[in-house]
Amino acid sequence: MRFSSTAAALAGAAFLPSVLGYPGMDKLLGELQDKAKRQDCCDSTELIGDLITLSDSQLSPVGHLVKNIIVGNASGESNEDYYNVPLLNTASCAADTCCIWQYIANTMEASFRGASGRCTNAARAAVRLGFHDAAGWSKSTGPLGGADGSIVLAPSEILRPKNNGLQEIIQQMQIWYNQYHGYGVSMADLIQFGATVATVVCPLGPRIHSFVGRYDSSIPAPDGLLPGPFDSADFLIDLFRDKTIQPHGLTALLGAHSTSQQRFVDTSRAGDPQDGTPGVWDVLYYKQTLGPKPPRVFTFQSDINLSEDPRIYPEFAAFAGPGGQQHWNEDYAREYVRLSLLGVYNINNLTDCTKTLPNAITTYVAADQWIVDLWVGTTIHLQAVADALLNGSLITNLLSLILGILLKVKRTVVETVATGSA
């Protein structure tokens, strides 16, 4: 998604006729114009919410920050810390909008981090919940939908098939809402904050700028605006463009599947991960979607369709290649800031509480990864292993089970070959 503004500046400069006389300049300008066209095609820079109607002189510091992030002029990540956090239920805490969010972050982190250091199923669900609440919006829906908390506050939304599997995290969000609503916390903010806390708790995940001050709505978001696991690339690209998200942004958002273990697309393979390092926010998802991949890795057909599309593939391959982790984290953070503010029309009045997020984990190797590698290399479903990984647990105590299955498979193969030879 990285692109220099040099191309746009040169492409429209008044001095073009004079510089075209230099050898090779016409070729250089042609390449820069091609870059500009590719940016227009594939990068997300469209303004959203109240930023569309406000001039720069009317923007608050947060308004300026959000605008710069979503047009690609500022990072969507932040390492800002929160020092001297006031005690809860004190006047100092009440006077600081972000204070309560530090206590919420601590509570969420305990739920989202497993004993192995990998993130838990609650963390994965929190990321998905943030996505499903915000993505229930398009440029044609007007004030309806978006990051407004309706996925919890409007009971009919959870009945939609594409929201299946979110029941547990919705119950948890309701518990946290009941606990913290008296401090002025909205459900809309709680959902999006949960998604960014979960992302950074997942090892290697980015620490995304997180804003609070959204309004709640109990009106159901318009139906039919969420992606499905069998959709075509054309359908998905058009669907997200109508949310102001271009192909490069869509490619970055897809990577959240890196931590995932699917449960409902194919129930016979419930718990199978979408790459070989479940619960870790890494670019292995991009590599294994492009192939090859171990037998237990489960890839949505929609992800395959997108990875093969010429509007998606170059960025997909870039994330899978050298330096892909940093590139992906940068792009994901910027795109998630955009997603988390879809349907929000008071962006200029929000508060940046990123400082309350847990610290990012920039290096991580699971102590039991070699055992995970054995498991994803099997073709036989082991529910106990899948469940342990869903919980973020170490699976060291399940090594004997995995080895027993592998030995049984090997013995069966040997016997079959011997019988066939006889």
Protein backbone atom coordinates (compact mmCIF):
# COMPACT_ATOMS: atom_id res chain seq x y z
CA MET A 1 0.00 0.00 0.00
CA ARG A 2 3.02 2.28 0.42
CA PHE A 3 3.10 5.00 -2.20
CA SER A 4 5.05 8.23 -2.51
CA SER A 5 3.20 11.46 -3.24
CA THR A 6 6.02 12.29 -5.68
CA ALA A 7 4.15 10.57 -8.48
CA ALA A 8 1.03 12.65 -8.03
CA ALA A 9 3.04 15.85 -7.67
CA LEU A 10 5.08 15.26 -10.83
CA ALA A 11 2.12 14.05 -12.81
CA GLY A 12 0.32 17.36 -12.39
CA ALA A 13 3.25 19.79 -12.25
CA ALA A 14 3.26 22.85 -14.51
CA PHE A 15 6.88 22.38 -15.43
CA LEU A 16 6.35 19.05 -17.22
CA PRO A 17 7.01 20.40 -20.73
CA SER A 18 10.44 21.67 -19.70
CA VAL A 19 11.55 18.48 -17.95
CA LEU A 20 10.39 16.13 -20.69
CA GLY A 21 13.43 17.15 -22.69
CA TYR A 22 15.77 15.31 -20.30
CA PRO A 23 16.80 11.81 -21.47
CA GLY A 24 14.58 9.11 -20.01
CA MET A 25 12.31 11.60 -18.24
CA ASP A 26 9.28 10.62 -20.28
CA LYS A 27 9.77 7.00 -19.25
CA LEU A 28 10.16 7.97 -15.59
CA LEU A 29 7.02 10.08 -15.68
CA GLY A 30 5.15 7.26 -17.36
CA GLU A 31 6.17 4.89 -14.56
CA LEU A 32 5.13 7.44 -11.92
CA GLN A 33 1.76 7.94 -13.60
CA ASP A 34 1.28 4.17 -13.71
CA LYS A 35 1.99 4.10 -9.97
CA ALA A 36 -0.57 6.83 -9.43
CA LYS A 37 -3.15 4.85 -11.41
CA ARG A 38 -2.40 1.74 -9.36
CA GLN A 39 -2.90 3.76 -6.17
CA ASP A 40 -6.24 5.06 -7.42
CA CYS A 41 -7.19 1.48 -8.27
CA CYS A 42 -6.12 -0.28 -5.10
CA ASP A 43 -5.39 2.02 -2.14
CA SER A 44 -8.03 3.32 0.26
CA THR A 45 -7.85 7.10 0.65
CA GLU A 46 -11.52 8.16 0.58
CA LEU A 47 -12.74 10.32 3.46
CA ILE A 48 -15.47 9.02 5.77
CA GLY A 49 -18.04 10.30 8.28
CA ASP A 50 -17.94 13.96 9.24
CA LEU A 51 -14.43 14.28 7.77
CA ILE A 52 -16.10 14.55 4.37
CA THR A 53 -17.74 17.88 5.19
CA LEU A 54 -15.18 19.48 7.54
CA SER A 55 -12.36 21.68 6.27
CA ASP A 56 -8.86 21.26 7.67
CA SER A 57 -9.30 24.45 9.70
CA GLN A 58 -12.31 22.88 11.43
CA LEU A 59 -10.56 19.66 12.38
CA SER A 60 -9.63 18.85 15.96
CA PRO A 61 -6.28 17.14 16.68
CA VAL A 62 -8.07 13.78 16.52
CA GLY A 63 -9.83 14.77 13.30
CA HIS A 64 -6.48 15.68 11.75
CA LEU A 65 -4.92 12.43 12.97
CA VAL A 66 -7.70 10.21 11.64
CA LYS A 67 -7.72 12.02 8.30
CA ASN A 68 -3.96 11.64 7.93
CA ILE A 69 -4.11 7.95 8.84
CA ILE A 70 -6.86 7.00 6.41
CA VAL A 71 -5.34 8.90 3.46
CA GLY A 72 -1.94 7.32 4.12
CA ASN A 73 -0.07 10.33 5.51
CA ALA A 74 0.30 9.01 9.07
CA SER A 75 0.78 5.63 10.71
CA GLY A 76 -2.17 3.70 12.06
CA GLU A 77 0.12 2.31 14.80
CA SER A 78 1.23 3.97 18.03
CA ASN A 79 3.55 3.07 20.92
CA GLU A 80 2.29 5.85 23.20
CA ASP A 81 2.23 4.81 26.86
CA TYR A 82 -0.07 5.87 29.69
CA TYR A 83 1.86 7.01 32.75
CA ASN A 84 0.50 7.59 36.26
CA VAL A 85 -2.92 6.06 35.65
CA PRO A 86 -5.35 7.41 38.26
CA LEU A 87 -7.03 4.98 40.61
CA LEU A 88 -10.47 3.80 39.55
CA ASN A 89 -13.43 5.60 41.14
CA THR A 90 -11.42 8.72 41.87
CA ALA A 91 -12.05 12.27 40.69
CA SER A 92 -8.78 12.16 38.73
CA CYS A 93 -9.91 9.07 36.84
CA ALA A 94 -13.33 10.56 36.12
CA ALA A 95 -11.66 13.68 34.72
CA ASP A 96 -9.59 11.65 32.23
CA THR A 97 -11.68 10.10 29.44
CA CYS A 98 -9.07 7.39 28.86
CA CYS A 99 -8.67 6.33 32.50
CA ILE A 100 -11.58 3.86 32.53
CA TRP A 101 -10.32 2.38 29.28
CA GLN A 102 -7.06 1.39 30.97
CA TYR A 103 -9.04 -0.76 33.40
CA ILE A 104 -11.12 -2.18 30.56
CA ALA A 105 -7.96 -3.00 28.62
CA ASN A 106 -6.53 -4.86 31.61
CA THR A 107 -9.73 -6.89 31.95
CA MET A 108 -9.82 -7.73 28.25
CA GLU A 109 -6.14 -8.66 28.11
CA ALA A 110 -6.63 -11.27 30.82
CA SER A 111 -9.40 -12.87 28.73
CA PHE A 112 -7.56 -12.63 25.42
CA ARG A 113 -4.11 -14.03 26.32
CA GLY A 114 -3.70 -17.80 26.73
CA ALA A 115 -1.17 -19.69 28.84
CA SER A 116 0.95 -20.32 25.73
CA GLY A 117 1.17 -16.61 24.96
CA ARG A 118 -1.05 -17.15 21.92
CA CYS A 119 -4.33 -15.27 21.82
CA THR A 120 -7.50 -17.10 22.78
CA ASN A 121 -10.72 -17.82 20.96
CA ALA A 122 -12.25 -14.85 22.81
CA ALA A 123 -9.61 -12.61 21.21
CA ARG A 124 -10.30 -13.99 17.73
CA ALA A 125 -14.01 -13.51 18.27
CA ALA A 126 -13.47 -9.95 19.48
CA VAL A 127 -11.63 -9.10 16.25
CA ARG A 128 -14.42 -10.69 14.23
CA LEU A 129 -17.09 -8.88 16.26
CA GLY A 130 -15.44 -5.51 15.63
CA PHE A 131 -15.35 -6.29 11.93
CA HIS A 132 -18.96 -7.49 11.73
CA ASP A 133 -20.34 -4.50 13.61
CA ALA A 134 -18.46 -1.90 11.56
CA ALA A 135 -18.81 -3.62 8.17
CA GLY A 136 -22.61 -3.55 8.36
CA TRP A 137 -22.41 -0.23 6.51
CA SER A 138 -22.00 0.96 2.94
CA LYS A 139 -22.06 4.31 1.15
CA SER A 140 -25.70 3.67 0.26
CA THR A 141 -26.99 2.96 3.78
CA GLY A 142 -26.93 6.53 5.04
CA PRO A 143 -26.95 6.80 8.84
CA LEU A 144 -27.75 3.11 9.36
CA GLY A 145 -25.15 0.53 10.33
CA GLY A 146 -21.44 0.86 10.97
CA ALA A 147 -19.53 0.87 14.25
CA ASP A 148 -22.58 1.61 16.41
CA GLY A 149 -22.86 -1.44 18.69
CA SER A 150 -25.99 -2.72 16.97
CA ILE A 151 -24.57 -6.22 16.53
CA VAL A 152 -25.07 -6.59 20.31
CA LEU A 153 -27.82 -4.05 20.96
CA ALA A 154 -30.14 -5.20 18.14
CA PRO A 155 -30.92 -8.86 18.96
CA SER A 156 -31.94 -9.74 15.39
CA GLU A 157 -28.40 -9.29 14.06
CA ILE A 158 -26.98 -12.32 15.85
CA LEU A 159 -29.66 -14.45 14.15
CA ARG A 160 -28.07 -13.78 10.75
CA PRO A 161 -26.11 -16.82 9.53
CA LYS A 162 -22.92 -14.82 8.86
CA ASN A 163 -22.80 -13.81 12.53
CA ASN A 164 -22.95 -17.40 13.77
CA GLY A 165 -20.20 -18.16 16.26
CA LEU A 166 -20.28 -14.70 17.84
CA GLN A 167 -22.77 -15.62 20.54
CA GLU A 168 -20.15 -16.13 23.28
CA ILE A 169 -18.27 -12.88 22.68
CA ILE A 170 -21.56 -10.99 22.47
CA GLN A 171 -22.50 -12.34 25.90
CA GLN A 172 -19.10 -11.28 27.20
CA MET A 173 -19.45 -7.81 25.69
CA GLN A 174 -22.82 -7.48 27.40
CA ILE A 175 -21.21 -8.40 30.74
CA TRP A 176 -18.46 -5.80 30.24
CA TYR A 177 -21.01 -3.23 29.09
CA ASN A 178 -23.08 -3.77 32.24
CA GLN A 179 -19.89 -3.40 34.28
CA TYR A 180 -18.58 -0.23 32.64
CA HIS A 181 -21.55 1.58 31.08
CA GLY A 182 -21.97 3.62 34.25
CA TYR A 183 -18.59 5.19 33.49
CA GLY A 184 -19.88 6.54 30.17
CA VAL A 185 -18.71 3.61 28.04
CA SER A 186 -20.71 2.91 24.88
CA MET A 187 -21.20 -0.54 23.39
CA ALA A 188 -19.93 0.76 20.04
CA ASP A 189 -16.62 1.79 21.63
CA LEU A 190 -16.40 -1.37 23.72
CA ILE A 191 -16.66 -3.54 20.59
CA GLN A 192 -14.03 -1.65 18.60
CA PHE A 193 -11.72 -1.33 21.60
CA GLY A 194 -12.06 -5.07 22.16
CA ALA A 195 -10.93 -5.67 18.58
CA THR A 196 -7.81 -3.52 18.92
CA VAL A 197 -6.91 -4.94 22.35
CA ALA A 198 -7.27 -8.45 20.95
CA THR A 199 -5.13 -7.62 17.91
CA VAL A 200 -2.20 -6.39 19.96
CA VAL A 201 -2.53 -9.21 22.49
CA CYS A 202 -2.09 -11.69 19.63
CA PRO A 203 1.71 -12.11 19.29
CA LEU A 204 3.21 -9.90 16.53
CA GLY A 205 -0.04 -7.92 16.15
CA PRO A 206 0.01 -4.13 15.59
CA ARG A 207 -0.89 -1.59 18.27
CA ILE A 208 -3.64 0.28 16.44
CA HIS A 209 -4.81 3.82 17.14
CA SER A 210 -8.01 3.40 19.17
CA PHE A 211 -10.65 6.11 19.53
CA VAL A 212 -13.66 6.42 21.85
CA GLY A 213 -16.80 8.53 21.79
CA ARG A 214 -19.00 6.66 19.28
CA TYR A 215 -22.77 6.65 19.71
CA ASP A 216 -24.80 3.48 20.21
CA SER A 217 -27.72 2.29 18.12
CA SER A 218 -30.22 -0.51 18.73
CA ILE A 219 -31.48 -0.33 15.13
CA PRO A 220 -30.28 -3.40 13.17
CA ALA A 221 -27.66 -2.74 10.51
CA PRO A 222 -28.85 -3.37 6.94
CA ASP A 223 -28.52 -7.05 6.06
CA GLY A 224 -26.43 -8.44 3.21
CA LEU A 225 -23.32 -6.29 3.75
CA LEU A 226 -20.97 -8.92 5.21
CA PRO A 227 -18.67 -11.19 3.16
CA GLY A 228 -19.14 -14.94 2.88
CA PRO A 229 -16.56 -17.77 2.71
CA PHE A 230 -17.53 -18.76 -0.85
CA ASP A 231 -17.88 -15.33 -2.47
CA SER A 232 -16.15 -14.44 -5.73
CA ALA A 233 -13.33 -11.92 -5.91
CA ASP A 234 -15.42 -9.53 -8.01
CA PHE A 235 -18.26 -9.60 -5.49
CA LEU A 236 -15.96 -9.01 -2.51
CA ILE A 237 -13.97 -6.22 -4.14
CA ASP A 238 -17.20 -4.42 -5.09
CA LEU A 239 -18.65 -5.04 -1.62
CA PHE A 240 -15.67 -3.44 0.11
CA ARG A 241 -15.29 -0.59 -2.35
CA ASP A 242 -18.80 0.41 -1.34
CA LYS A 243 -17.41 0.66 2.21
CA THR A 244 -14.56 2.94 0.95
CA ILE A 245 -12.12 0.03 1.24
CA GLN A 246 -10.07 -0.61 -1.91
CA PRO A 247 -8.35 -3.92 -2.87
CA HIS A 248 -5.10 -3.24 -0.96
CA GLY A 249 -7.07 -2.45 2.17
CA LEU A 250 -9.15 -5.57 1.73
CA THR A 251 -5.97 -7.62 1.31
CA ALA A 252 -4.64 -6.29 4.61
CA LEU A 253 -7.88 -6.92 6.50
CA LEU A 254 -8.03 -10.51 5.26
CA GLY A 255 -4.89 -11.26 7.25
CA ALA A 256 -6.87 -11.36 10.50
CA HIS A 257 -7.59 -14.94 9.41
CA SER A 258 -3.99 -15.66 10.45
CA THR A 259 -5.08 -16.22 14.06
CA SER A 260 -8.29 -18.02 13.14
CA GLN A 261 -9.61 -21.54 13.66
CA GLN A 262 -12.76 -22.09 11.65
CA ARG A 263 -15.66 -23.88 13.28
CA PHE A 264 -18.79 -23.47 11.14
CA VAL A 265 -17.82 -23.38 7.47
CA ASP A 266 -16.99 -27.10 7.67
CA THR A 267 -18.16 -28.55 10.98
CA SER A 268 -16.38 -31.85 10.30
CA ARG A 269 -13.13 -29.90 10.59
CA ALA A 270 -14.13 -27.64 13.49
CA GLY A 271 -11.05 -26.06 15.05
CA ASP A 272 -8.81 -26.31 12.00
CA PRO A 273 -6.62 -23.20 11.68
CA GLN A 274 -6.29 -20.96 8.64
CA ASP A 275 -2.54 -21.19 8.85
CA GLY A 276 -0.02 -23.29 10.77
CA THR A 277 0.40 -20.83 13.66
CA PRO A 278 -3.10 -20.34 15.11
CA GLY A 279 -3.34 -17.57 17.66
CA VAL A 280 -0.30 -15.75 16.24
CA TRP A 281 -0.69 -12.57 14.17
CA ASP A 282 1.80 -13.44 11.45
CA VAL A 283 2.03 -13.51 7.65
CA LEU A 284 2.07 -17.30 7.41
CA TYR A 285 -1.59 -17.00 6.41
CA TYR A 286 -0.58 -15.22 3.20
CA LYS A 287 2.15 -17.75 2.41
CA GLN A 288 -0.01 -20.82 3.01
CA THR A 289 -3.06 -19.42 1.22
CA LEU A 290 -0.87 -19.08 -1.85
CA GLY A 291 0.37 -22.63 -1.10
CA PRO A 292 1.60 -25.16 -0.31
CA LYS A 293 -0.02 -25.74 3.07
CA PRO A 294 -0.22 -28.58 5.65
CA PRO A 295 -3.26 -30.90 5.58
CA ARG A 296 -5.00 -29.41 8.63
CA VAL A 297 -4.83 -25.81 7.41
CA PHE A 298 -8.29 -24.76 6.24
CA THR A 299 -8.57 -22.01 3.63
CA PHE A 300 -11.82 -20.29 2.72
CA GLN A 301 -12.64 -20.50 -0.98
CA SER A 302 -13.26 -16.75 -0.92
CA ASP A 303 -9.68 -16.17 0.28
CA ILE A 304 -8.34 -18.33 -2.54
CA ASN A 305 -10.49 -16.43 -5.04
CA LEU A 306 -9.10 -13.11 -3.81
CA SER A 307 -5.49 -14.26 -3.65
CA GLU A 308 -5.65 -15.17 -7.34
CA ASP A 309 -7.20 -11.88 -8.48
CA PRO A 310 -4.74 -9.50 -10.21
CA ARG A 311 -6.01 -6.58 -8.08
CA ILE A 312 -5.17 -8.49 -4.90
CA TYR A 313 -2.33 -10.88 -5.71
CA PRO A 314 0.61 -8.39 -5.81
CA GLU A 315 -0.14 -7.09 -2.31
CA PHE A 316 -0.95 -10.60 -1.08
CA ALA A 317 2.43 -11.81 -2.34
CA ALA A 318 4.19 -8.77 -0.86
CA PHE A 319 2.83 -9.60 2.60
CA ALA A 320 4.00 -13.20 2.12
CA GLY A 321 7.48 -12.08 1.08
CA PRO A 322 10.53 -10.53 2.82
CA GLY A 323 9.58 -7.71 5.19
CA GLY A 324 5.96 -8.76 4.92
CA GLN A 325 5.20 -8.64 8.65
CA GLN A 326 5.99 -4.96 9.08
CA HIS A 327 4.34 -4.09 5.76
CA TRP A 328 1.18 -5.96 6.70
CA ASN A 329 1.00 -4.53 10.24
CA GLU A 330 1.32 -1.00 8.86
CA ASP A 331 -1.40 -1.56 6.27
CA TYR A 332 -3.71 -3.46 8.60
CA ALA A 333 -3.51 -0.77 11.28
CA ARG A 334 -4.32 1.99 8.81
CA GLU A 335 -7.19 0.04 7.30
CA TYR A 336 -8.63 -1.00 10.63
CA VAL A 337 -8.74 2.63 11.78
CA ARG A 338 -10.90 3.25 8.70
CA LEU A 339 -13.08 0.20 9.29
CA SER A 340 -13.59 1.00 12.98
CA LEU A 341 -15.01 4.41 12.05
CA LEU A 342 -17.41 3.46 9.27
CA GLY A 343 -20.83 4.95 9.96
CA VAL A 344 -19.37 7.24 12.63
CA TYR A 345 -20.30 10.90 12.09
CA ASN A 346 -18.63 12.49 15.11
CA ILE A 347 -15.02 11.51 14.35
CA ASN A 348 -13.89 15.07 14.98
CA ASN A 349 -15.11 14.83 18.57
CA LEU A 350 -13.58 11.47 19.46
CA THR A 351 -10.77 10.90 21.99
CA ASP A 352 -7.59 8.96 21.22
CA CYS A 353 -7.08 6.38 23.99
CA THR A 354 -4.45 4.26 22.25
CA LYS A 355 -2.14 4.79 25.23
CA THR A 356 -4.26 2.37 27.27
CA LEU A 357 -3.60 -0.62 25.00
CA PRO A 358 -1.23 -3.44 26.04
CA ASN A 359 2.27 -3.30 24.64
CA ALA A 360 2.91 -4.99 21.30
CA ILE A 361 4.71 -8.35 21.26
CA THR A 362 7.28 -7.96 18.50
CA THR A 363 9.05 -11.32 18.79
CA TYR A 364 7.41 -14.65 19.57
CA VAL A 365 7.99 -18.36 19.04
CA ALA A 366 5.56 -20.72 20.73
CA ALA A 367 7.29 -23.20 23.04
CA ASP A 368 5.12 -25.98 21.62
CA GLN A 369 5.21 -24.88 17.96
CA TRP A 370 7.00 -28.07 16.93
CA ILE A 371 4.07 -30.04 18.34
CA VAL A 372 1.61 -27.75 16.55
CA ASP A 373 3.56 -28.49 13.36
CA LEU A 374 3.06 -32.22 13.93
CA TRP A 375 -0.68 -31.68 14.42
CA VAL A 376 -1.24 -29.51 11.34
CA GLY A 377 0.64 -32.16 9.38
CA THR A 378 -1.91 -34.85 10.24
CA THR A 379 -5.02 -35.69 8.25
CA ILE A 380 -6.98 -37.05 11.21
CA HIS A 381 -9.11 -34.69 13.26
CA LEU A 382 -8.01 -34.37 16.92
CA GLN A 383 -10.63 -32.30 18.73
CA ALA A 384 -8.65 -32.16 21.97
CA VAL A 385 -5.76 -30.44 20.19
CA ALA A 386 -8.07 -28.04 18.35
CA ASP A 387 -9.83 -27.10 21.60
CA ALA A 388 -6.55 -26.53 23.47
CA LEU A 389 -5.34 -24.22 20.73
CA LEU A 390 -8.66 -22.38 20.70
CA ASN A 391 -8.11 -21.67 24.40
CA GLY A 392 -4.54 -20.49 23.83
CA SER A 393 -3.21 -23.39 25.90
CA LEU A 394 0.11 -25.17 25.53
CA ILE A 395 -0.42 -28.57 23.92
CA THR A 396 2.72 -30.22 25.32
CA ASN A 397 0.60 -32.68 27.30
CA LEU A 398 -1.10 -33.77 24.06
CA LEU A 399 2.13 -34.83 22.36
CA SER A 400 1.55 -38.52 23.14
CA LEU A 401 -1.92 -38.33 21.57
CA ILE A 402 -0.56 -36.78 18.37
CA LEU A 403 2.36 -39.23 18.16
CA GLY A 404 -0.01 -42.13 18.78
CA ILE A 405 -2.20 -41.03 15.86
CA LEU A 406 0.82 -40.56 13.60
CA LEU A 407 2.19 -44.00 14.48
CA LYS A 408 -1.23 -45.57 13.92
CA VAL A 409 -1.50 -43.91 10.51
CA LYS A 410 2.02 -45.02 9.59
CA ARG A 411 1.28 -48.59 10.70
CA THR A 412 -1.94 -48.66 8.66
CA VAL A 413 -0.12 -47.42 5.56
CA VAL A 414 2.62 -50.01 5.96
CA GLU A 415 0.07 -52.81 6.42
CA THR A 416 -1.91 -51.65 3.38
CA VAL A 417 1.22 -51.58 1.22
CA ALA A 418 2.27 -55.01 2.47
CA THR A 419 -1.18 -56.49 1.81
CA GLY A 420 -1.20 -54.99 -1.66
CA SER A 421 2.23 -56.47 -2.42
CA ALA A 422 1.12 -59.89 -1.29
